[in-house]
């Protein structure tokens, strides 16, 4: 009964307008109706273009507002609370900065490099990222990996430990991969805990995803949204999933057999959890150069997150998979601009603005 009800009620919104009445701006949703007459199509397109231009102007003007600049340049989040790790970090940073200034004053080494030898300057600039990566590698706390084990669908202990978790999966043209994704999820949660939010710019599903989902298990919640937007899909899925925690993942993710959601990491301060991920070829036992390079980028990012977790919390999760306390996630999504680019970074930024932090479930 749930899917039929959802199909009637969901995604009646298409445009998002941000109120700037106060500092706690939330998205205000409005319904946009399409004209039936073809003679009005041109005027509708012109109005839509004008609205997009106005939205962009409002977005850029918001960057110049005093409350936004003060929130970005607020030193309290960097300086407080005072911890011994943060003190050592600031001492090291100021020591390096002071050494650079002293070197320039005494020897003019940086000026000489900039004026007469660009090769040395380029080496110095390109050396910054390896140094940062080295610091992350040295400061990251690597967990002990869980041993792979076979998990049967009758393993009640696994499902009982994950009974407070809802899996929300925004999908788009995922007929060729959703079955493998769902099979990996069904090893850890019951089918009624899975919410497929299929979305696209169409009044009806654009591929065979709903039939595949129903054939796998009719208890899986399927929702069709006629406006293609990942953030909208996450918001609708979170509203419908009345569980304590929301685990959201992409439609091409696979959960390993020894996967753990890491719910024990949540507390009064930690309201979200990120996960290390790895890139694999769509066909088992195959790989190529692009997949290996993508996997390397993920590993470097995971290393940085493991380091961040020891110094105030992870800054932002991978967009492919993360878990949130439901009430906090709803607050974050209401403040999200729903623009796809860097949507995962924005989630982490809003979480920090709310005064919470993020952990990482690696080897939990």
Protein backbone atom coordinates (compact mmCIF):
# COMPACT_ATOMS: atom_id res chain seq x y z
CA UNK A 1 0.00 0.00 0.00
CA UNK A 2 2.86 2.37 0.76
CA UNK A 3 4.20 2.68 -2.82
CA UNK A 4 0.75 3.59 -4.22
CA UNK A 5 0.27 6.29 -1.59
CA UNK A 6 3.74 7.66 -2.16
CA UNK A 7 3.30 7.90 -5.92
CA UNK A 8 0.32 10.20 -5.40
CA UNK A 9 1.88 12.46 -2.81
CA UNK A 10 5.55 12.81 -3.68
CA UNK A 11 7.38 15.36 -5.77
CA UNK A 12 4.65 17.93 -6.30
CA UNK A 13 7.43 20.52 -6.05
CA UNK A 14 9.84 21.53 -8.74
CA UNK A 15 11.36 24.90 -7.93
CA UNK A 16 13.20 26.00 -4.80
CA UNK A 17 13.39 29.53 -3.52
CA UNK A 18 15.63 30.46 -0.58
CA UNK A 19 14.25 32.92 1.93
CA UNK A 20 16.78 35.43 3.20
CA UNK A 21 14.55 36.73 5.99
CA UNK A 22 16.87 35.50 8.71
CA UNK A 23 20.09 33.64 9.25
CA UNK A 24 18.28 30.30 9.45
CA UNK A 25 17.06 30.29 5.85
CA UNK A 26 15.21 27.19 4.74
CA UNK A 27 14.07 26.14 1.28
CA UNK A 28 10.57 27.23 0.41
CA UNK A 29 8.92 24.95 -2.10
CA UNK A 30 6.40 26.08 -4.66
CA UNK A 31 4.39 24.13 -7.23
CA UNK A 32 5.00 24.88 -10.89
CA UNK A 33 2.20 24.06 -13.32
CA UNK A 34 2.74 23.44 -17.01
CA UNK A 35 0.48 24.96 -19.63
CA UNK A 36 -1.58 22.70 -21.82
CA UNK A 37 -1.62 25.04 -24.77
CA UNK A 38 1.38 24.92 -27.11
CA UNK A 39 1.03 28.66 -27.75
CA UNK A 40 2.21 29.40 -24.22
CA UNK A 41 5.35 27.24 -24.38
CA UNK A 42 7.64 30.07 -25.49
CA UNK A 43 6.47 32.38 -22.73
CA UNK A 44 6.89 29.60 -20.19
CA UNK A 45 10.46 28.95 -21.33
CA UNK A 46 11.22 32.67 -21.12
CA UNK A 47 9.82 32.84 -17.60
CA UNK A 48 11.84 29.79 -16.57
CA UNK A 49 15.01 31.32 -18.01
CA UNK A 50 14.33 34.58 -16.18
CA UNK A 51 13.75 32.70 -12.93
CA UNK A 52 17.03 30.82 -13.37
CA UNK A 53 18.91 34.08 -13.96
CA UNK A 54 17.31 35.66 -10.89
CA UNK A 55 18.14 32.59 -8.82
CA UNK A 56 21.79 32.78 -9.90
CA UNK A 57 21.92 36.49 -9.08
CA UNK A 58 20.42 35.86 -5.65
CA UNK A 59 22.90 33.05 -5.06
CA UNK A 60 25.93 35.19 -5.89
CA UNK A 61 24.59 38.20 -3.99
CA UNK A 62 24.25 35.97 -0.95
CA UNK A 63 28.02 35.47 -0.93
CA UNK A 64 28.48 39.19 -0.21
CA UNK A 65 26.06 39.40 2.70
CA UNK A 66 27.69 40.30 6.05
CA UNK A 67 26.26 37.32 7.97
CA UNK A 68 27.61 34.92 5.33
CA UNK A 69 31.09 36.47 5.35
CA UNK A 70 31.16 36.49 9.15
CA UNK A 71 30.21 32.81 9.26
CA UNK A 72 32.97 31.91 6.79
CA UNK A 73 35.62 34.05 8.49
CA UNK A 74 34.54 33.16 12.04
CA UNK A 75 37.75 32.25 13.95
CA UNK A 76 35.91 30.67 16.88
CA UNK A 77 35.39 27.39 15.02
CA UNK A 78 39.13 27.20 14.28
CA UNK A 79 40.46 28.26 17.68
CA UNK A 80 37.93 26.76 20.09
CA UNK A 81 37.60 24.47 21.91
CA UNK A 82 41.30 24.46 22.78
CA UNK A 83 42.81 20.96 22.71
CA UNK A 84 46.39 19.75 22.85
CA UNK A 85 46.18 18.43 19.27
CA UNK A 86 44.91 21.75 18.00
CA UNK A 87 47.59 23.57 19.98
CA UNK A 88 50.34 21.41 18.47
CA UNK A 89 48.88 21.96 14.99
CA UNK A 90 48.88 25.74 15.40
CA UNK A 91 52.41 25.69 16.84
CA UNK A 92 53.63 23.68 13.87
CA UNK A 93 51.83 25.89 11.36
CA UNK A 94 53.10 29.13 12.87
CA UNK A 95 56.62 27.69 13.10
CA UNK A 96 56.64 26.82 9.40
CA UNK A 97 55.16 30.21 8.50
CA UNK A 98 57.67 32.02 10.71
CA UNK A 99 60.51 30.04 9.14
CA UNK A 100 59.37 31.04 5.66
CA UNK A 101 59.17 34.70 6.65
CA UNK A 102 62.59 34.60 8.32
CA UNK A 103 64.10 32.88 5.28
CA UNK A 104 62.69 35.54 2.97
CA UNK A 105 63.88 38.41 5.18
CA UNK A 106 67.40 37.03 5.68
CA UNK A 107 68.13 35.48 2.29
CA UNK A 108 65.36 36.64 -0.09
CA UNK A 109 65.20 33.03 -1.26
CA UNK A 110 61.55 33.16 -2.31
CA UNK A 111 61.97 36.42 -4.22
CA UNK A 112 65.03 35.03 -5.97
CA UNK A 113 63.16 31.87 -6.91
CA UNK A 114 60.24 33.86 -8.26
CA UNK A 115 62.36 36.28 -10.27
CA UNK A 116 65.20 34.15 -11.61
CA UNK A 117 64.41 30.46 -11.26
CA UNK A 118 60.81 29.43 -11.85
CA UNK A 119 61.77 25.77 -11.74
CA UNK A 120 62.51 25.95 -8.02
CA UNK A 121 59.28 27.84 -7.41
CA UNK A 122 57.26 25.27 -9.33
CA UNK A 123 58.91 22.46 -7.36
CA UNK A 124 57.92 24.22 -4.14
CA UNK A 125 54.33 24.69 -5.29
CA UNK A 126 53.95 21.13 -6.51
CA UNK A 127 55.49 19.88 -3.27
CA UNK A 128 52.70 21.33 -1.13
CA UNK A 129 50.16 18.60 -1.91
CA UNK A 130 52.56 15.68 -1.25
CA UNK A 131 53.50 17.27 2.07
CA UNK A 132 49.83 17.58 3.06
CA UNK A 133 49.18 14.00 1.99
CA UNK A 134 52.18 12.85 4.02
CA UNK A 135 50.84 14.62 7.10
CA UNK A 136 47.45 12.97 6.55
CA UNK A 137 49.05 9.54 6.17
CA UNK A 138 51.11 9.96 9.34
CA UNK A 139 48.21 11.29 11.42
CA UNK A 140 45.49 8.93 10.14
CA UNK A 141 44.46 6.15 12.49
CA UNK A 142 44.03 3.02 10.41
CA UNK A 143 41.40 0.58 11.70
CA UNK A 144 41.63 -3.17 11.84
CA UNK A 145 39.71 -4.62 8.91
CA UNK A 146 36.84 -6.95 9.66
CA UNK A 147 37.33 -10.47 8.36
CA UNK A 148 35.00 -11.38 5.48
CA UNK A 149 32.24 -13.68 6.59
CA UNK A 150 29.21 -15.20 4.99
CA UNK A 151 25.98 -13.50 6.01
CA UNK A 152 22.78 -15.41 5.40
CA UNK A 153 19.37 -13.81 5.06
CA UNK A 154 18.31 -15.82 8.11
CA UNK A 155 20.96 -14.23 10.29
CA UNK A 156 18.60 -12.52 12.74
CA UNK A 157 21.45 -11.03 14.75
CA UNK A 158 22.57 -8.94 11.78
CA UNK A 159 19.08 -7.63 11.04
CA UNK A 160 18.36 -6.97 14.70
CA UNK A 161 21.50 -4.84 15.05
CA UNK A 162 20.44 -2.78 12.00
CA UNK A 163 16.73 -2.45 12.79
CA UNK A 164 17.02 1.32 13.39
CA UNK A 165 18.57 1.99 9.96
CA UNK A 166 16.68 2.92 6.79
CA UNK A 167 18.47 2.67 3.44
CA UNK A 168 17.49 5.51 1.08
CA UNK A 169 18.71 5.04 -2.50
CA UNK A 170 18.13 7.85 -5.03
CA UNK A 171 18.14 6.21 -8.47
CA UNK A 172 18.13 7.40 -12.08
CA UNK A 173 18.06 5.01 -15.05
CA UNK A 174 19.40 2.28 -12.79
CA UNK A 175 17.76 -0.79 -14.31
CA UNK A 176 21.12 -2.31 -15.23
CA UNK A 177 22.59 -2.06 -11.73
CA UNK A 178 19.86 -1.76 -9.12
CA UNK A 179 19.45 -5.53 -8.67
CA UNK A 180 23.07 -6.05 -7.58
CA UNK A 181 22.81 -3.02 -5.30
CA UNK A 182 19.67 -4.32 -3.60
CA UNK A 183 21.11 -7.80 -3.17
CA UNK A 184 24.06 -6.32 -1.29
CA UNK A 185 21.67 -4.34 0.94
CA UNK A 186 19.40 -7.29 1.69
CA UNK A 187 22.29 -9.02 3.42
CA UNK A 188 22.14 -6.35 6.13
CA UNK A 189 18.58 -4.97 6.41
CA UNK A 190 15.03 -6.16 5.89
CA UNK A 191 13.34 -5.24 2.58
CA UNK A 192 10.86 -2.87 4.22
CA UNK A 193 13.82 -0.80 5.46
CA UNK A 194 14.87 0.01 1.87
CA UNK A 195 13.44 3.08 0.11
CA UNK A 196 14.11 3.39 -3.62
CA UNK A 197 13.49 6.99 -4.75
CA UNK A 198 13.60 6.73 -8.54
CA UNK A 199 13.62 10.18 -10.15
CA UNK A 200 13.84 11.86 -13.54
CA UNK A 201 12.26 14.63 -15.58
CA UNK A 202 9.27 12.57 -16.67
CA UNK A 203 5.75 11.83 -15.46
CA UNK A 204 6.43 8.10 -15.54
CA UNK A 205 9.41 5.83 -14.77
CA UNK A 206 11.98 6.03 -17.54
CA UNK A 207 13.18 2.41 -17.44
CA UNK A 208 12.37 -0.99 -15.96
CA UNK A 209 13.60 -0.17 -12.44
CA UNK A 210 10.16 -0.44 -10.72
CA UNK A 211 9.50 -3.89 -12.18
CA UNK A 212 12.95 -5.12 -11.16
CA UNK A 213 12.42 -3.85 -7.60
CA UNK A 214 8.98 -5.46 -7.29
CA UNK A 215 10.24 -8.78 -8.65
CA UNK A 216 13.08 -8.83 -6.14
CA UNK A 217 10.85 -8.20 -3.15
CA UNK A 218 7.43 -6.48 -3.05
CA UNK A 219 8.16 -5.22 0.47
CA UNK A 220 10.85 -2.85 -0.83
CA UNK A 221 9.46 0.69 -0.90
CA UNK A 222 9.55 2.15 -4.42
CA UNK A 223 8.80 5.82 -5.10
CA UNK A 224 8.78 7.59 -8.45
CA UNK A 225 9.55 11.31 -8.48
CA UNK A 226 8.97 13.20 -11.72
CA UNK A 227 11.66 15.81 -11.07
CA UNK A 228 15.25 14.66 -11.38
CA UNK A 229 17.15 15.92 -8.35
CA UNK A 230 19.26 13.87 -5.95
CA UNK A 231 18.74 16.17 -2.95
CA UNK A 232 14.96 16.19 -3.46
CA UNK A 233 15.03 12.40 -3.66
CA UNK A 234 17.03 12.14 -0.43
CA UNK A 235 14.62 14.52 1.30
CA UNK A 236 11.50 12.63 0.21
CA UNK A 237 13.04 9.29 1.14
CA UNK A 238 14.06 10.60 4.55
CA UNK A 239 10.57 11.96 5.19
CA UNK A 240 9.01 8.60 4.41
CA UNK A 241 11.56 6.48 6.26
CA UNK A 242 10.55 6.75 9.91
CA UNK A 243 13.74 5.27 11.33
CA UNK A 244 16.35 6.64 13.71
CA UNK A 245 19.18 6.60 11.16
CA UNK A 246 19.18 7.26 7.42
CA UNK A 247 21.82 5.53 5.32
CA UNK A 248 21.83 7.08 1.85
CA UNK A 249 23.78 5.54 -1.01
CA UNK A 250 24.10 5.77 -4.79
CA UNK A 251 22.39 3.24 -7.02
CA UNK A 252 25.72 1.75 -8.16
CA UNK A 253 27.13 1.07 -4.68
CA UNK A 254 27.72 -2.43 -3.31
CA UNK A 255 27.83 -3.16 0.42
CA UNK A 256 30.45 -5.80 1.29
CA UNK A 257 29.56 -8.86 3.34
CA UNK A 258 31.52 -7.60 6.36
CA UNK A 259 29.96 -4.13 6.18
CA UNK A 260 29.00 -2.36 9.42
CA UNK A 261 26.84 0.78 9.52
CA UNK A 262 28.74 2.13 12.54
CA UNK A 263 25.71 3.24 14.55
CA UNK A 264 27.76 3.08 17.75
CA UNK A 265 29.71 6.14 16.58
CA UNK A 266 26.68 8.42 17.09
CA UNK A 267 26.46 10.53 20.24
CA UNK A 268 25.37 14.01 21.29
CA UNK A 269 28.06 15.58 19.10
CA UNK A 270 28.43 13.13 16.20
CA UNK A 271 25.29 13.17 14.03
CA UNK A 272 26.67 11.71 10.80
CA UNK A 273 29.01 8.96 9.65
CA UNK A 274 31.08 8.72 6.48
CA UNK A 275 32.57 5.59 4.95
CA UNK A 276 35.73 4.69 3.04
CA UNK A 277 34.92 3.54 -0.48
CA UNK A 278 36.77 1.85 -3.32
CA UNK A 279 36.22 1.92 -7.08
CA UNK A 280 35.73 -1.42 -8.83
CA UNK A 281 34.97 -2.45 -12.39
CA UNK A 282 31.35 -3.12 -13.30
CA UNK A 283 32.37 -6.65 -14.28
CA UNK A 284 33.90 -8.78 -11.51
CA UNK A 285 37.60 -9.68 -11.73
CA UNK A 286 38.19 -6.95 -14.33
CA UNK A 287 39.84 -3.56 -14.06
CA UNK A 288 41.43 -0.84 -16.14
CA UNK A 289 43.60 2.22 -15.72
CA UNK A 290 40.71 4.64 -15.13
CA UNK A 291 39.20 2.43 -12.42
CA UNK A 292 42.57 2.12 -10.67
CA UNK A 293 43.14 5.88 -10.79
CA UNK A 294 39.64 6.51 -9.41
CA UNK A 295 40.28 3.99 -6.65
CA UNK A 296 43.56 5.75 -5.81
CA UNK A 297 41.73 9.07 -5.52
CA UNK A 298 39.20 7.48 -3.18
CA UNK A 299 41.97 6.02 -1.03
CA UNK A 300 43.71 9.40 -0.73
CA UNK A 301 40.40 10.98 0.23
CA UNK A 302 39.74 8.22 2.77
CA UNK A 303 43.18 8.79 4.27
CA UNK A 304 42.39 12.49 4.63
CA UNK A 305 39.07 11.69 6.32
CA UNK A 306 40.76 9.31 8.76
CA UNK A 307 43.12 12.14 9.64
CA UNK A 308 40.28 14.69 9.94
CA UNK A 309 38.42 12.35 12.29
CA UNK A 310 41.23 12.81 14.83
CA UNK A 311 41.19 16.62 14.56
CA UNK A 312 37.62 17.78 15.07
CA UNK A 313 35.71 15.41 12.77
CA UNK A 314 35.38 14.57 9.10
CA UNK A 315 34.66 17.66 7.01
CA UNK A 316 32.28 16.03 4.53
CA UNK A 317 31.32 12.51 3.41
CA UNK A 318 31.64 10.77 0.09
CA UNK A 319 28.57 11.54 -1.97
CA UNK A 320 28.21 7.83 -2.72
CA UNK A 321 27.42 6.72 0.85
CA UNK A 322 26.83 8.30 4.26
CA UNK A 323 24.58 7.86 7.29
CA UNK A 324 22.80 10.53 9.31
CA UNK A 325 20.61 10.90 12.32
CA UNK A 326 17.20 11.39 10.71
CA UNK A 327 16.12 14.61 12.45
CA UNK A 328 19.49 16.23 11.81
CA UNK A 329 19.50 15.10 8.18
CA UNK A 330 16.08 16.67 7.59
CA UNK A 331 17.34 19.99 8.97
CA UNK A 332 20.39 19.82 6.71
CA UNK A 333 18.41 18.97 3.57
CA UNK A 334 16.02 21.87 4.21
CA UNK A 335 19.00 24.25 4.17
CA UNK A 336 20.62 22.63 1.13
CA UNK A 337 20.46 24.53 -2.18
CA UNK A 338 19.63 21.29 -4.06
CA UNK A 339 22.35 21.99 -6.65
CA UNK A 340 24.08 18.76 -7.59
CA UNK A 341 27.64 20.09 -7.85
CA UNK A 342 29.58 19.39 -4.62
CA UNK A 343 26.36 18.43 -2.85
CA UNK A 344 28.33 16.21 -0.46
CA UNK A 345 30.60 19.11 0.56
CA UNK A 346 27.55 21.27 1.27
CA UNK A 347 26.11 18.56 3.51
CA UNK A 348 29.26 18.60 5.62
CA UNK A 349 29.35 22.40 5.76
CA UNK A 350 25.75 22.65 6.96
CA UNK A 351 26.40 19.93 9.55
CA UNK A 352 29.26 22.04 10.93
CA UNK A 353 27.08 25.15 10.92
CA UNK A 354 24.56 23.30 13.08
CA UNK A 355 27.34 22.60 15.59
CA UNK A 356 27.70 18.87 14.99
CA UNK A 357 30.52 16.69 13.70
CA UNK A 358 30.96 13.61 11.52
CA UNK A 359 32.75 10.35 12.24
CA UNK A 360 34.05 7.68 9.90
CA UNK A 361 33.04 4.03 10.09
CA UNK A 362 36.20 2.26 8.99
CA UNK A 363 36.61 -1.22 10.39
CA UNK A 364 33.78 -0.79 12.91
